[in-house]
Amino acid sequence: MTRSHDVRQLTTTELENARRELRANLGLINPGSPAHVPIAAHMRAIDTELAERAGNQHASGDGHHDN
């Protein structure tokens, strides 16, 4: 069974906190542990969502810069 890592409903702050916690968890488990697979998948989902949000924020800008 494959789980979907739908993180779209989380706020950016929640995503950043979850990523930080997942990174800490990776440091606590043995290098060969099978737990690396789901943690890495969840981190990729978070990274993808954050990148999409950053791209959308950039794309939605009006191009006007105050000097």
C-alpha atoms as a PDB file:
ATOM      1  CA  MET A   1       0.000   0.000   0.000  1.00  0.00           C
ATOM      2  CA  THR A   2       1.355   3.402  -0.984  1.00  0.00           C
ATOM      3  CA  ARG A   3       0.398   6.448   1.017  1.00  0.00           C
ATOM      4  CA  SER A   4      -0.111   9.782  -0.583  1.00  0.00           C
ATOM      5  CA  HIS A   5       1.796  12.610   1.010  1.00  0.00           C
ATOM      6  CA  ASP A   6      -0.757  15.366   0.493  1.00  0.00           C
ATOM      7  CA  VAL A   7       0.643  18.368   2.293  1.00  0.00           C
ATOM      8  CA  ARG A   8      -1.303  21.066   0.446  1.00  0.00           C
ATOM      9  CA  GLN A   9      -3.623  21.728   3.378  1.00  0.00           C
ATOM     10  CA  LEU A  10      -0.722  22.689   5.659  1.00  0.00           C
ATOM     11  CA  THR A  11       0.448  26.264   6.081  1.00  0.00           C
ATOM     12  CA  THR A  12       3.952  27.196   4.991  1.00  0.00           C
ATOM     13  CA  THR A  13       5.010  27.426   8.630  1.00  0.00           C
ATOM     14  CA  GLU A  14       3.581  23.971   9.312  1.00  0.00           C
ATOM     15  CA  LEU A  15       5.424  22.588   6.294  1.00  0.00           C
ATOM     16  CA  GLU A  16       8.717  24.092   7.428  1.00  0.00           C
ATOM     17  CA  ASN A  17       8.223  22.748  10.966  1.00  0.00           C
ATOM     18  CA  ALA A  18       7.317  19.279   9.670  1.00  0.00           C
ATOM     19  CA  ARG A  19      10.396  19.232   7.448  1.00  0.00           C
ATOM     20  CA  ARG A  20      12.621  20.223  10.371  1.00  0.00           C
ATOM     21  CA  GLU A  21      11.096  17.470  12.538  1.00  0.00           C
ATOM     22  CA  LEU A  22      11.483  14.871   9.798  1.00  0.00           C
ATOM     23  CA  ARG A  23      15.129  15.831   9.354  1.00  0.00           C
ATOM     24  CA  ALA A  24      15.664  15.410  13.098  1.00  0.00           C
ATOM     25  CA  ASN A  25      13.973  11.990  12.946  1.00  0.00           C
ATOM     26  CA  LEU A  26      16.361  10.903  10.206  1.00  0.00           C
ATOM     27  CA  GLY A  27      19.227  11.703  12.539  1.00  0.00           C
ATOM     28  CA  LEU A  28      17.782   9.429  15.218  1.00  0.00           C
ATOM     29  CA  ILE A  29      17.309   6.264  13.168  1.00  0.00           C
ATOM     30  CA  ASN A  30      19.906   3.808  11.934  1.00  0.00           C
ATOM     31  CA  PRO A  31      21.251   4.569   8.437  1.00  0.00           C
ATOM     32  CA  GLY A  32      19.929   1.309   6.969  1.00  0.00           C
ATOM     33  CA  SER A  33      16.515   1.582   8.559  1.00  0.00           C
ATOM     34  CA  PRO A  34      13.518   1.106   6.280  1.00  0.00           C
ATOM     35  CA  ALA A  35      11.999   4.161   7.981  1.00  0.00           C
ATOM     36  CA  HIS A  36      14.171   6.327   5.719  1.00  0.00           C
ATOM     37  CA  VAL A  37      11.901   5.584   2.740  1.00  0.00           C
ATOM     38  CA  PRO A  38       8.616   7.084   4.026  1.00  0.00           C
ATOM     39  CA  ILE A  39      10.402   9.962   5.741  1.00  0.00           C
ATOM     40  CA  ALA A  40      12.259  10.834   2.536  1.00  0.00           C
ATOM     41  CA  ALA A  41       9.008  10.599   0.544  1.00  0.00           C
ATOM     42  CA  HIS A  42       7.261  12.956   2.923  1.00  0.00           C
ATOM     43  CA  MET A  43      10.192  15.387   2.791  1.00  0.00           C
ATOM     44  CA  ARG A  44      10.058  15.354  -1.029  1.00  0.00           C
ATOM     45  CA  ALA A  45       6.341  16.129  -0.901  1.00  0.00           C
ATOM     46  CA  ILE A  46       7.025  19.051   1.439  1.00  0.00           C
ATOM     47  CA  ASP A  47       9.876  20.337  -0.729  1.00  0.00           C
ATOM     48  CA  THR A  48       7.692  20.109  -3.841  1.00  0.00           C
ATOM     49  CA  GLU A  49       4.826  21.973  -2.181  1.00  0.00           C
ATOM     50  CA  LEU A  50       7.129  24.715  -0.872  1.00  0.00           C
ATOM     51  CA  ALA A  51       8.736  25.096  -4.305  1.00  0.00           C
ATOM     52  CA  GLU A  52       5.325  25.341  -5.975  1.00  0.00           C
ATOM     53  CA  ARG A  53       4.222  27.966  -3.475  1.00  0.00           C
ATOM     54  CA  ALA A  54       7.400  29.971  -4.030  1.00  0.00           C
ATOM     55  CA  GLY A  55       6.899  29.756  -7.801  1.00  0.00           C
ATOM     56  CA  ASN A  56       3.262  30.799  -7.547  1.00  0.00           C
ATOM     57  CA  GLN A  57       4.120  33.690  -5.278  1.00  0.00           C
ATOM     58  CA  HIS A  58       6.787  34.862  -7.710  1.00  0.00           C
ATOM     59  CA  ALA A  59       4.480  34.408 -10.724  1.00  0.00           C
ATOM     60  CA  SER A  60       1.633  36.316  -9.070  1.00  0.00           C
ATOM     61  CA  GLY A  61       3.788  39.402  -8.506  1.00  0.00           C
ATOM     62  CA  ASP A  62       2.871  42.448 -10.535  1.00  0.00           C
ATOM     63  CA  GLY A  63       6.424  43.205 -11.559  1.00  0.00           C
ATOM     64  CA  HIS A  64       6.263  46.626  -9.924  1.00  0.00           C
ATOM     65  CA  HIS A  65       9.146  47.422  -7.618  1.00  0.00           C
ATOM     66  CA  ASP A  66       9.240  50.458  -5.369  1.00  0.00           C
ATOM     67  CA  ASN A  67      12.534  52.344  -5.443  1.00  0.00           C
END
